PDB file of N, CA and C in Angstrom:
ATOM      1  N   UNK A   1       2.876  -0.639   3.980  1.00  0.00           N
ATOM      2  CA  UNK A   1       1.671  -1.317   3.571  1.00  0.00           C
ATOM      3  C   UNK A   1       1.697  -1.586   2.074  1.00  0.00           C
ATOM      4  N   UNK A   2       2.075  -0.570   1.338  1.00  0.00           N
ATOM      5  CA  UNK A   2       2.082  -0.699  -0.117  1.00  0.00           C
ATOM      6  C   UNK A   2       3.053  -1.789  -0.553  1.00  0.00           C
ATOM      7  N   UNK A   3       4.219  -1.824   0.073  1.00  0.00           N
ATOM      8  CA  UNK A   3       5.231  -2.816  -0.287  1.00  0.00           C
ATOM      9  C   UNK A   3       4.754  -4.230   0.061  1.00  0.00           C
ATOM     10  N   UNK A   4       4.119  -4.379   1.214  1.00  0.00           N
ATOM     11  CA  UNK A   4       3.592  -5.694   1.599  1.00  0.00           C
ATOM     12  C   UNK A   4       2.526  -6.147   0.611  1.00  0.00           C
ATOM     13  N   UNK A   5       1.681  -5.228   0.194  1.00  0.00           N
ATOM     14  CA  UNK A   5       0.663  -5.556  -0.790  1.00  0.00           C
ATOM     15  C   UNK A   5       1.272  -5.981  -2.113  1.00  0.00           C
ATOM     16  N   UNK A   6       2.296  -5.248  -2.549  1.00  0.00           N
ATOM     17  CA  UNK A   6       2.954  -5.614  -3.798  1.00  0.00           C
ATOM     18  C   UNK A   6       3.619  -6.979  -3.712  1.00  0.00           C
ATOM     19  N   UNK A   7       4.212  -7.282  -2.569  1.00  0.00           N
ATOM     20  CA  UNK A   7       4.840  -8.593  -2.398  1.00  0.00           C
ATOM     21  C   UNK A   7       3.817  -9.721  -2.499  1.00  0.00           C
ATOM     22  N   UNK A   8       2.642  -9.514  -1.887  1.00  0.00           N
ATOM     23  CA  UNK A   8       1.599 -10.538  -1.977  1.00  0.00           C
ATOM     24  C   UNK A   8       1.102 -10.701  -3.410  1.00  0.00           C
ATOM     25  N   UNK A   9       0.957  -9.598  -4.112  1.00  0.00           N
ATOM     26  CA  UNK A   9       0.538  -9.668  -5.514  1.00  0.00           C
ATOM     27  C   UNK A   9       1.583 -10.428  -6.325  1.00  0.00           C
ATOM     28  N   UNK A  10       2.856 -10.122  -6.109  1.00  0.00           N
ATOM     29  CA  UNK A  10       3.916 -10.804  -6.847  1.00  0.00           C
ATOM     30  C   UNK A  10       3.972 -12.299  -6.526  1.00  0.00           C
ATOM     31  N   UNK A  11       3.793 -12.654  -5.256  1.00  0.00           N
ATOM     32  CA  UNK A  11       3.792 -14.074  -4.887  1.00  0.00           C
ATOM     33  C   UNK A  11       2.616 -14.804  -5.516  1.00  0.00           C
ATOM     34  N   UNK A  12       1.458 -14.178  -5.516  1.00  0.00           N
ATOM     35  CA  UNK A  12       0.299 -14.788  -6.151  1.00  0.00           C
ATOM     36  C   UNK A  12       0.500 -14.948  -7.647  1.00  0.00           C
ATOM     37  N   UNK A  13       1.048 -13.921  -8.283  1.00  0.00           N
ATOM     38  CA  UNK A  13       1.311 -13.987  -9.727  1.00  0.00           C
ATOM     39  C   UNK A  13       2.351 -15.066 -10.024  1.00  0.00           C
ATOM     40  N   UNK A  14       3.359 -15.204  -9.155  1.00  0.00           N
ATOM     41  CA  UNK A  14       4.364 -16.251  -9.338  1.00  0.00           C
ATOM     42  C   UNK A  14       3.729 -17.634  -9.252  1.00  0.00           C
ATOM     43  N   UNK A  15       2.813 -17.817  -8.317  1.00  0.00           N
ATOM     44  CA  UNK A  15       2.117 -19.094  -8.193  1.00  0.00           C
ATOM     45  C   UNK A  15       1.292 -19.420  -9.424  1.00  0.00           C
ATOM     46  N   UNK A  16       0.604 -18.424  -9.950  1.00  0.00           N
ATOM     47  CA  UNK A  16      -0.204 -18.640 -11.152  1.00  0.00           C
ATOM     48  C   UNK A  16       0.685 -18.931 -12.350  1.00  0.00           C
ATOM     49  N   UNK A  17       1.748 -18.147 -12.512  1.00  0.00           N
ATOM     50  CA  UNK A  17       2.659 -18.379 -13.634  1.00  0.00           C
ATOM     51  C   UNK A  17       3.342 -19.739 -13.531  1.00  0.00           C
ATOM     52  N   UNK A  18       3.683 -20.127 -12.316  1.00  0.00           N
ATOM     53  CA  UNK A  18       4.277 -21.442 -12.113  1.00  0.00           C
ATOM     54  C   UNK A  18       3.312 -22.551 -12.498  1.00  0.00           C
ATOM     55  N   UNK A  19       2.037 -22.377 -12.183  1.00  0.00           N
ATOM     56  CA  UNK A  19       1.038 -23.384 -12.542  1.00  0.00           C
ATOM     57  C   UNK A  19       0.813 -23.418 -14.048  1.00  0.00           C
ATOM     58  N   UNK A  20       0.836 -22.247 -14.680  1.00  0.00           N
ATOM     59  CA  UNK A  20       0.600 -22.196 -16.124  1.00  0.00           C
ATOM     60  C   UNK A  20       1.761 -22.757 -16.927  1.00  0.00           C
ATOM     61  N   UNK A  21       2.953 -22.341 -16.603  1.00  0.00           N
ATOM     62  CA  UNK A  21       4.103 -22.693 -17.418  1.00  0.00           C
ATOM     63  C   UNK A  21       4.933 -23.844 -16.849  1.00  0.00           C
ATOM     64  N   UNK A  22       4.757 -24.170 -15.604  1.00  0.00           N
ATOM     65  CA  UNK A  22       5.563 -25.205 -14.976  1.00  0.00           C
ATOM     66  C   UNK A  22       5.001 -26.599 -15.157  1.00  0.00           C
ATOM     67  N   UNK A  23       3.712 -26.708 -15.407  1.00  0.00           N
ATOM     68  CA  UNK A  23       3.124 -28.038 -15.566  1.00  0.00           C
ATOM     69  C   UNK A  23       2.885 -28.322 -17.043  1.00  0.00           C
ATOM     70  N   UNK A  24       3.121 -29.540 -17.422  1.00  0.00           N
ATOM     71  CA  UNK A  24       3.001 -29.925 -18.824  1.00  0.00           C
ATOM     72  C   UNK A  24       1.965 -31.033 -19.013  1.00  0.00           C
ATOM     73  N   UNK A  25       0.806 -30.863 -18.426  1.00  0.00           N
ATOM     74  CA  UNK A  25      -0.249 -31.862 -18.551  1.00  0.00           C
ATOM     75  C   UNK A  25      -0.267 -32.854 -17.408  1.00  0.00           C
ATOM     76  N   UNK A  26       0.835 -32.994 -16.736  1.00  0.00           N
ATOM     77  CA  UNK A  26       0.856 -33.870 -15.567  1.00  0.00           C
ATOM     78  C   UNK A  26       0.624 -33.009 -14.338  1.00  0.00           C
ATOM     79  N   UNK A  27       0.451 -33.639 -13.212  1.00  0.00           N
ATOM     80  CA  UNK A  27       0.200 -32.916 -11.965  1.00  0.00           C
ATOM     81  C   UNK A  27       1.536 -32.550 -11.330  1.00  0.00           C
ATOM     82  N   UNK A  28       2.236 -31.632 -11.958  1.00  0.00           N
ATOM     83  CA  UNK A  28       3.529 -31.205 -11.449  1.00  0.00           C
ATOM     84  C   UNK A  28       3.542 -29.687 -11.386  1.00  0.00           C
ATOM     85  N   UNK A  29       3.981 -29.160 -10.273  1.00  0.00           N
ATOM     86  CA  UNK A  29       4.040 -27.708 -10.099  1.00  0.00           C
ATOM     87  C   UNK A  29       5.390 -27.353  -9.513  1.00  0.00           C
ATOM     88  N   UNK A  30       6.167 -26.606 -10.255  1.00  0.00           N
ATOM     89  CA  UNK A  30       7.492 -26.168  -9.822  1.00  0.00           C
ATOM     90  C   UNK A  30       8.365 -27.345  -9.382  1.00  0.00           C
ATOM     91  N   UNK A  31       8.276 -28.431 -10.110  1.00  0.00           N
ATOM     92  CA  UNK A  31       9.121 -29.579  -9.826  1.00  0.00           C
ATOM     93  C   UNK A  31       8.588 -30.533  -8.775  1.00  0.00           C
ATOM     94  N   UNK A  32       7.416 -30.238  -8.193  1.00  0.00           N
ATOM     95  CA  UNK A  32       6.834 -31.106  -7.170  1.00  0.00           C
ATOM     96  C   UNK A  32       5.637 -31.829  -7.769  1.00  0.00           C
ATOM     97  N   UNK A  33       5.515 -33.098  -7.491  1.00  0.00           N
ATOM     98  CA  UNK A  33       4.352 -33.858  -7.949  1.00  0.00           C
ATOM     99  C   UNK A  33       3.185 -33.584  -7.017  1.00  0.00           C
ATOM    100  N   UNK A  34       2.101 -33.062  -7.603  1.00  0.00           N
ATOM    101  CA  UNK A  34       0.922 -32.720  -6.820  1.00  0.00           C
ATOM    102  C   UNK A  34      -0.318 -33.313  -7.473  1.00  0.00           C
ATOM    103  N   UNK A  35      -1.310 -33.598  -6.643  1.00  0.00           N
ATOM    104  CA  UNK A  35      -2.582 -34.060  -7.185  1.00  0.00           C
ATOM    105  C   UNK A  35      -3.345 -32.865  -7.736  1.00  0.00           C
ATOM    106  N   UNK A  36      -4.384 -33.135  -8.494  1.00  0.00           N
ATOM    107  CA  UNK A  36      -5.181 -32.064  -9.085  1.00  0.00           C
ATOM    108  C   UNK A  36      -5.799 -31.180  -7.996  1.00  0.00           C
ATOM    109  N   UNK A  37      -6.175 -31.790  -6.882  1.00  0.00           N
ATOM    110  CA  UNK A  37      -6.742 -31.030  -5.772  1.00  0.00           C
ATOM    111  C   UNK A  37      -5.756 -29.987  -5.262  1.00  0.00           C
ATOM    112  N   UNK A  38      -4.500 -30.373  -5.092  1.00  0.00           N
ATOM    113  CA  UNK A  38      -3.507 -29.435  -4.564  1.00  0.00           C
ATOM    114  C   UNK A  38      -3.146 -28.370  -5.590  1.00  0.00           C
ATOM    115  N   UNK A  39      -3.195 -28.716  -6.864  1.00  0.00           N
ATOM    116  CA  UNK A  39      -2.991 -27.698  -7.905  1.00  0.00           C
ATOM    117  C   UNK A  39      -4.104 -26.653  -7.811  1.00  0.00           C
ATOM    118  N   UNK A  40      -5.335 -27.123  -7.606  1.00  0.00           N
ATOM    119  CA  UNK A  40      -6.458 -26.204  -7.444  1.00  0.00           C
ATOM    120  C   UNK A  40      -6.266 -25.315  -6.219  1.00  0.00           C
ATOM    121  N   UNK A  41      -5.848 -25.896  -5.109  1.00  0.00           N
ATOM    122  CA  UNK A  41      -5.638 -25.129  -3.872  1.00  0.00           C
ATOM    123  C   UNK A  41      -4.552 -24.077  -4.068  1.00  0.00           C
ATOM    124  N   UNK A  42      -3.484 -24.443  -4.770  1.00  0.00           N
ATOM    125  CA  UNK A  42      -2.408 -23.475  -5.036  1.00  0.00           C
ATOM    126  C   UNK A  42      -2.936 -22.325  -5.888  1.00  0.00           C
ATOM    127  N   UNK A  43      -3.732 -22.627  -6.889  1.00  0.00           N
ATOM    128  CA  UNK A  43      -4.326 -21.579  -7.724  1.00  0.00           C
ATOM    129  C   UNK A  43      -5.264 -20.694  -6.941  1.00  0.00           C
ATOM    130  N   UNK A  44      -6.061 -21.306  -6.091  1.00  0.00           N
ATOM    131  CA  UNK A  44      -6.980 -20.543  -5.254  1.00  0.00           C
ATOM    132  C   UNK A  44      -6.209 -19.631  -4.295  1.00  0.00           C
ATOM    133  N   UNK A  45      -5.181 -20.173  -3.659  1.00  0.00           N
ATOM    134  CA  UNK A  45      -4.366 -19.374  -2.736  1.00  0.00           C
ATOM    135  C   UNK A  45      -3.660 -18.238  -3.482  1.00  0.00           C
ATOM    136  N   UNK A  46      -3.233 -18.505  -4.692  1.00  0.00           N
ATOM    137  CA  UNK A  46      -2.576 -17.453  -5.477  1.00  0.00           C
ATOM    138  C   UNK A  46      -3.555 -16.332  -5.802  1.00  0.00           C
ATOM    139  N   UNK A  47      -4.752 -16.682  -6.182  1.00  0.00           N
ATOM    140  CA  UNK A  47      -5.771 -15.668  -6.462  1.00  0.00           C
ATOM    141  C   UNK A  47      -6.118 -14.853  -5.237  1.00  0.00           C
ATOM    142  N   UNK A  48      -6.265 -15.525  -4.099  1.00  0.00           N
ATOM    143  CA  UNK A  48      -6.553 -14.814  -2.842  1.00  0.00           C
ATOM    144  C   UNK A  48      -5.393 -13.896  -2.474  1.00  0.00           C
ATOM    145  N   UNK A  49      -4.170 -14.362  -2.670  1.00  0.00           N
ATOM    146  CA  UNK A  49      -2.996 -13.535  -2.353  1.00  0.00           C
ATOM    147  C   UNK A  49      -2.966 -12.292  -3.230  1.00  0.00           C
ATOM    148  N   UNK A  50      -3.325 -12.439  -4.502  1.00  0.00           N
ATOM    149  CA  UNK A  50      -3.342 -11.277  -5.393  1.00  0.00           C
ATOM    150  C   UNK A  50      -4.396 -10.278  -4.936  1.00  0.00           C
ATOM    151  N   UNK A  51      -5.609 -10.755  -4.648  1.00  0.00           N
ATOM    152  CA  UNK A  51      -6.671  -9.847  -4.201  1.00  0.00           C
ATOM    153  C   UNK A  51      -6.328  -9.191  -2.869  1.00  0.00           C
ATOM    154  N   UNK A  52      -5.791  -9.971  -1.942  1.00  0.00           N
ATOM    155  CA  UNK A  52      -5.426  -9.442  -0.631  1.00  0.00           C
ATOM    156  C   UNK A  52      -4.295  -8.431  -0.767  1.00  0.00           C
ATOM    157  N   UNK A  53      -3.309  -8.748  -1.573  1.00  0.00           N
ATOM    158  CA  UNK A  53      -2.197  -7.825  -1.791  1.00  0.00           C
ATOM    159  C   UNK A  53      -2.648  -6.539  -2.438  1.00  0.00           C
ATOM    160  N   UNK A  54      -3.546  -6.638  -3.408  1.00  0.00           N
ATOM    161  CA  UNK A  54      -4.078  -5.437  -4.054  1.00  0.00           C
ATOM    162  C   UNK A  54      -4.816  -4.566  -3.040  1.00  0.00           C
ATOM    163  N   UNK A  55      -5.621  -5.196  -2.190  1.00  0.00           N
ATOM    164  CA  UNK A  55      -6.358  -4.443  -1.173  1.00  0.00           C
ATOM    165  C   UNK A  55      -5.417  -3.747  -0.192  1.00  0.00           C
ATOM    166  N   UNK A  56      -4.394  -4.456   0.251  1.00  0.00           N
ATOM    167  CA  UNK A  56      -3.429  -3.874   1.191  1.00  0.00           C
ATOM    168  C   UNK A  56      -2.672  -2.728   0.533  1.00  0.00           C
ATOM    169  N   UNK A  57      -2.256  -2.922  -0.700  1.00  0.00           N
ATOM    170  CA  UNK A  57      -1.524  -1.865  -1.408  1.00  0.00           C
ATOM    171  C   UNK A  57      -2.409  -0.632  -1.590  1.00  0.00           C
ATOM    172  N   UNK A  58      -3.660  -0.848  -1.961  1.00  0.00           N
ATOM    173  CA  UNK A  58      -4.590   0.267  -2.147  1.00  0.00           C
ATOM    174  C   UNK A  58      -4.813   1.015  -0.829  1.00  0.00           C
ATOM    175  N   UNK A  59      -4.966   0.268   0.254  1.00  0.00           N
ATOM    176  CA  UNK A  59      -5.139   0.878   1.565  1.00  0.00           C
ATOM    177  C   UNK A  59      -3.905   1.699   1.951  1.00  0.00           C
ATOM    178  N   UNK A  60      -2.723   1.155   1.685  1.00  0.00           N
ATOM    179  CA  UNK A  60      -1.487   1.874   2.006  1.00  0.00           C
ATOM    180  C   UNK A  60      -1.344   3.156   1.213  1.00  0.00           C
ATOM    181  N   UNK A  61      -1.710   3.127  -0.054  1.00  0.00           N
ATOM    182  CA  UNK A  61      -1.625   4.337  -0.884  1.00  0.00           C
ATOM    183  C   UNK A  61      -2.614   5.381  -0.388  1.00  0.00           C
ATOM    184  N   UNK A  62      -3.845   4.952  -0.092  1.00  0.00           N
ATOM    185  CA  UNK A  62      -4.844   5.902   0.434  1.00  0.00           C
ATOM    186  C   UNK A  62      -4.374   6.534   1.738  1.00  0.00           C
ATOM    187  N   UNK A  63      -3.817   5.697   2.595  1.00  0.00           N
ATOM    188  CA  UNK A  63      -3.344   6.196   3.890  1.00  0.00           C
ATOM    189  C   UNK A  63      -2.205   7.204   3.710  1.00  0.00           C
ATOM    190  N   UNK A  64      -1.306   6.916   2.788  1.00  0.00           N
ATOM    191  CA  UNK A  64      -0.199   7.836   2.513  1.00  0.00           C
ATOM    192  C   UNK A  64      -0.688   9.164   1.954  1.00  0.00           C
ATOM    193  N   UNK A  65      -1.649   9.107   1.040  1.00  0.00           N
ATOM    194  CA  UNK A  65      -2.208  10.341   0.468  1.00  0.00           C
ATOM    195  C   UNK A  65      -2.906  11.152   1.546  1.00  0.00           C
ATOM    196  N   UNK A  66      -3.684  10.466   2.392  1.00  0.00           N
ATOM    197  CA  UNK A  66      -4.382  11.163   3.472  1.00  0.00           C
ATOM    198  C   UNK A  66      -3.378  11.802   4.441  1.00  0.00           C
ATOM    199  N   UNK A  67      -2.316  11.088   4.750  1.00  0.00           N
ATOM    200  CA  UNK A  67      -1.304  11.626   5.659  1.00  0.00           C
ATOM    201  C   UNK A  67      -0.649  12.872   5.058  1.00  0.00           C
ATOM    202  N   UNK A  68      -0.313  12.820   3.772  1.00  0.00           N
ATOM    203  CA  UNK A  68       0.294  13.987   3.123  1.00  0.00           C
ATOM    204  C   UNK A  68      -0.665  15.161   3.102  1.00  0.00           C
ATOM    205  N   UNK A  69      -1.943  14.895   2.836  1.00  0.00           N
ATOM    206  CA  UNK A  69      -2.943  15.963   2.808  1.00  0.00           C
ATOM    207  C   UNK A  69      -3.079  16.619   4.183  1.00  0.00           C
ATOM    208  N   UNK A  70      -3.155  15.800   5.228  1.00  0.00           N
ATOM    209  CA  UNK A  70      -3.260  16.332   6.583  1.00  0.00           C
ATOM    210  C   UNK A  70      -2.007  17.117   6.962  1.00  0.00           C
ATOM    211  N   UNK A  71      -0.857  16.619   6.577  1.00  0.00           N
ATOM    212  CA  UNK A  71       0.392  17.308   6.865  1.00  0.00           C
ATOM    213  C   UNK A  71       0.432  18.673   6.180  1.00  0.00           C
ATOM    214  N   UNK A  72      -0.039  18.714   4.946  1.00  0.00           N
ATOM    215  CA  UNK A  72      -0.075  19.983   4.217  1.00  0.00           C
ATOM    216  C   UNK A  72      -1.030  20.965   4.893  1.00  0.00           C
ATOM    217  N   UNK A  73      -2.199  20.489   5.320  1.00  0.00           N
ATOM    218  CA  UNK A  73      -3.144  21.360   6.013  1.00  0.00           C
ATOM    219  C   UNK A  73      -2.573  21.872   7.326  1.00  0.00           C
ATOM    220  N   UNK A  74      -1.902  21.011   8.072  1.00  0.00           N
ATOM    221  CA  UNK A  74      -1.286  21.440   9.328  1.00  0.00           C
ATOM    222  C   UNK A  74      -0.193  22.476   9.082  1.00  0.00           C
ATOM    223  N   UNK A  75       0.573  22.307   8.015  1.00  0.00           N
ATOM    224  CA  UNK A  75       1.616  23.273   7.674  1.00  0.00           C
ATOM    225  C   UNK A  75       0.998  24.624   7.346  1.00  0.00           C
ATOM    226  N   UNK A  76      -0.103  24.618   6.575  1.00  0.00           N
ATOM    227  CA  UNK A  76      -0.772  25.876   6.227  1.00  0.00           C
ATOM    228  C   UNK A  76      -1.324  26.563   7.471  1.00  0.00           C
ATOM    229  N   UNK A  77      -1.941  25.781   8.368  1.00  0.00           N
ATOM    230  CA  UNK A  77      -2.470  26.357   9.600  1.00  0.00           C
ATOM    231  C   UNK A  77      -1.347  26.909  10.477  1.00  0.00           C
ATOM    232  N   UNK A  78      -0.229  26.208  10.509  1.00  0.00           N
ATOM    233  CA  UNK A  78       0.908  26.670  11.291  1.00  0.00           C
ATOM    234  C   UNK A  78       1.437  27.994  10.740  1.00  0.00           C
ATOM    235  N   UNK A  79       1.511  28.111   9.424  1.00  0.00           N
ATOM    236  CA  UNK A  79       1.970  29.364   8.818  1.00  0.00           C
ATOM    237  C   UNK A  79       1.006  30.506   9.122  1.00  0.00           C
ATOM    238  N   UNK A  80      -0.302  30.233   9.080  1.00  0.00           N
ATOM    239  CA  UNK A  80      -1.293  31.265   9.412  1.00  0.00           C
ATOM    240  C   UNK A  80      -1.156  31.692  10.865  1.00  0.00           C
ATOM    241  N   UNK A  81      -0.964  30.718  11.752  1.00  0.00           N
ATOM    242  CA  UNK A  81      -0.814  31.030  13.169  1.00  0.00           C
ATOM    243  C   UNK A  81       0.450  31.848  13.416  1.00  0.00           C
ATOM    244  N   UNK A  82       1.535  31.500  12.748  1.00  0.00           N
ATOM    245  CA  UNK A  82       2.771  32.276  12.878  1.00  0.00           C
ATOM    246  C   UNK A  82       2.566  33.706  12.401  1.00  0.00           C
ATOM    247  N   UNK A  83       1.828  33.876  11.320  1.00  0.00           N
ATOM    248  CA  UNK A  83       1.578  35.225  10.793  1.00  0.00           C
ATOM    249  C   UNK A  83       0.738  36.041  11.774  1.00  0.00           C
ATOM    250  N   UNK A  84      -0.308  35.423  12.326  1.00  0.00           N
ATOM    251  CA  UNK A  84      -1.152  36.125  13.301  1.00  0.00           C
ATOM    252  C   UNK A  84      -0.336  36.475  14.533  1.00  0.00           C
ATOM    253  N   UNK A  85       0.495  35.574  14.999  1.00  0.00           N
ATOM    254  CA  UNK A  85       1.340  35.822  16.167  1.00  0.00           C
ATOM    255  C   UNK A  85       2.308  36.970  15.898  1.00  0.00           C
ATOM    256  N   UNK A  86       2.874  36.993  14.705  1.00  0.00           N
ATOM    257  CA  UNK A  86       3.787  38.069  14.333  1.00  0.00           C
ATOM    258  C   UNK A  86       3.057  39.408  14.271  1.00  0.00           C
ATOM    259  N   UNK A  87       1.839  39.410  13.722  1.00  0.00           N
ATOM    260  CA  UNK A  87       1.048  40.638  13.667  1.00  0.00           C
ATOM    261  C   UNK A  87       0.720  41.151  15.069  1.00  0.00           C
ATOM    262  N   UNK A  88       0.397  40.260  16.005  1.00  0.00           N
ATOM    263  CA  UNK A  88       0.104  40.667  17.377  1.00  0.00           C
ATOM    264  C   UNK A  88       1.337  41.255  18.052  1.00  0.00           C
ATOM    265  N   UNK A  89       2.488  40.657  17.788  1.00  0.00           N
ATOM    266  CA  UNK A  89       3.721  41.192  18.364  1.00  0.00           C
ATOM    267  C   UNK A  89       3.992  42.597  17.836  1.00  0.00           C
ATOM    268  N   UNK A  90       3.759  42.798  16.561  1.00  0.00           N
ATOM    269  CA  UNK A  90       3.969  44.137  15.986  1.00  0.00           C
ATOM    270  C   UNK A  90       3.026  45.160  16.604  1.00  0.00           C
ATOM    271  N   UNK A  91       1.767  44.748  16.831  1.00  0.00           N
ATOM    272  CA  UNK A  91       0.796  45.657  17.445  1.00  0.00           C
ATOM    273  C   UNK A  91       1.229  46.035  18.854  1.00  0.00           C
ATOM    274  N   UNK A  92       1.713  45.041  19.611  1.00  0.00           N
ATOM    275  CA  UNK A  92       2.175  45.298  20.971  1.00  0.00           C
ATOM    276  C   UNK A  92       3.390  46.228  20.948  1.00  0.00           C
ATOM    277  N   UNK A  93       4.301  45.979  20.038  1.00  0.00           N
ATOM    278  CA  UNK A  93       5.486  46.833  19.921  1.00  0.00           C
ATOM    279  C   UNK A  93       5.101  48.249  19.514  1.00  0.00           C
ATOM    280  N   UNK A  94       4.140  48.396  18.615  1.00  0.00           N
ATOM    281  CA  UNK A  94       3.677  49.719  18.201  1.00  0.00           C
ATOM    282  C   UNK A  94       2.992  50.459  19.337  1.00  0.00           C
ATOM    283  N   UNK A  95       2.251  49.744  20.186  1.00  0.00           N
ATOM    284  CA  UNK A  95       1.574  50.362  21.316  1.00  0.00           C
ATOM    285  C   UNK A  95       2.574  50.847  22.372  1.00  0.00           C
ATOM    286  N   UNK A  96       3.701  50.212  22.497  1.00  0.00           N
ATOM    287  CA  UNK A  96       4.703  50.594  23.492  1.00  0.00           C
ATOM    288  C   UNK A  96       5.437  51.855  23.066  1.00  0.00           C
ATOM    289  N   UNK A  97       5.530  52.065  21.773  1.00  0.00           N
ATOM    290  CA  UNK A  97       6.295  53.219  21.275  1.00  0.00           C
ATOM    291  C   UNK A  97       5.488  54.460  21.295  1.00  0.00           C
TER     292      UNK A  97
END
């Protein structure tokens, strides 16, 4: 998720940079002749791609952090359960002797 978000952010930034530095007063974007309307649409799509990519990346990071937190809690619970199980086995062994 994070990588997909970063890719969208990079594509949007590339579109904006291409519009800023690629056109020299004429309606040209990355070597293609475009009308002002299409230049606007490209800028709008680039902005949406950046926002969408940022949202996806943020969601992916949150999900990864939550997964690690849950995994850590499960590991701690597993260790506690193993300790309790070991203590019960010792009690049973002590009762047999």
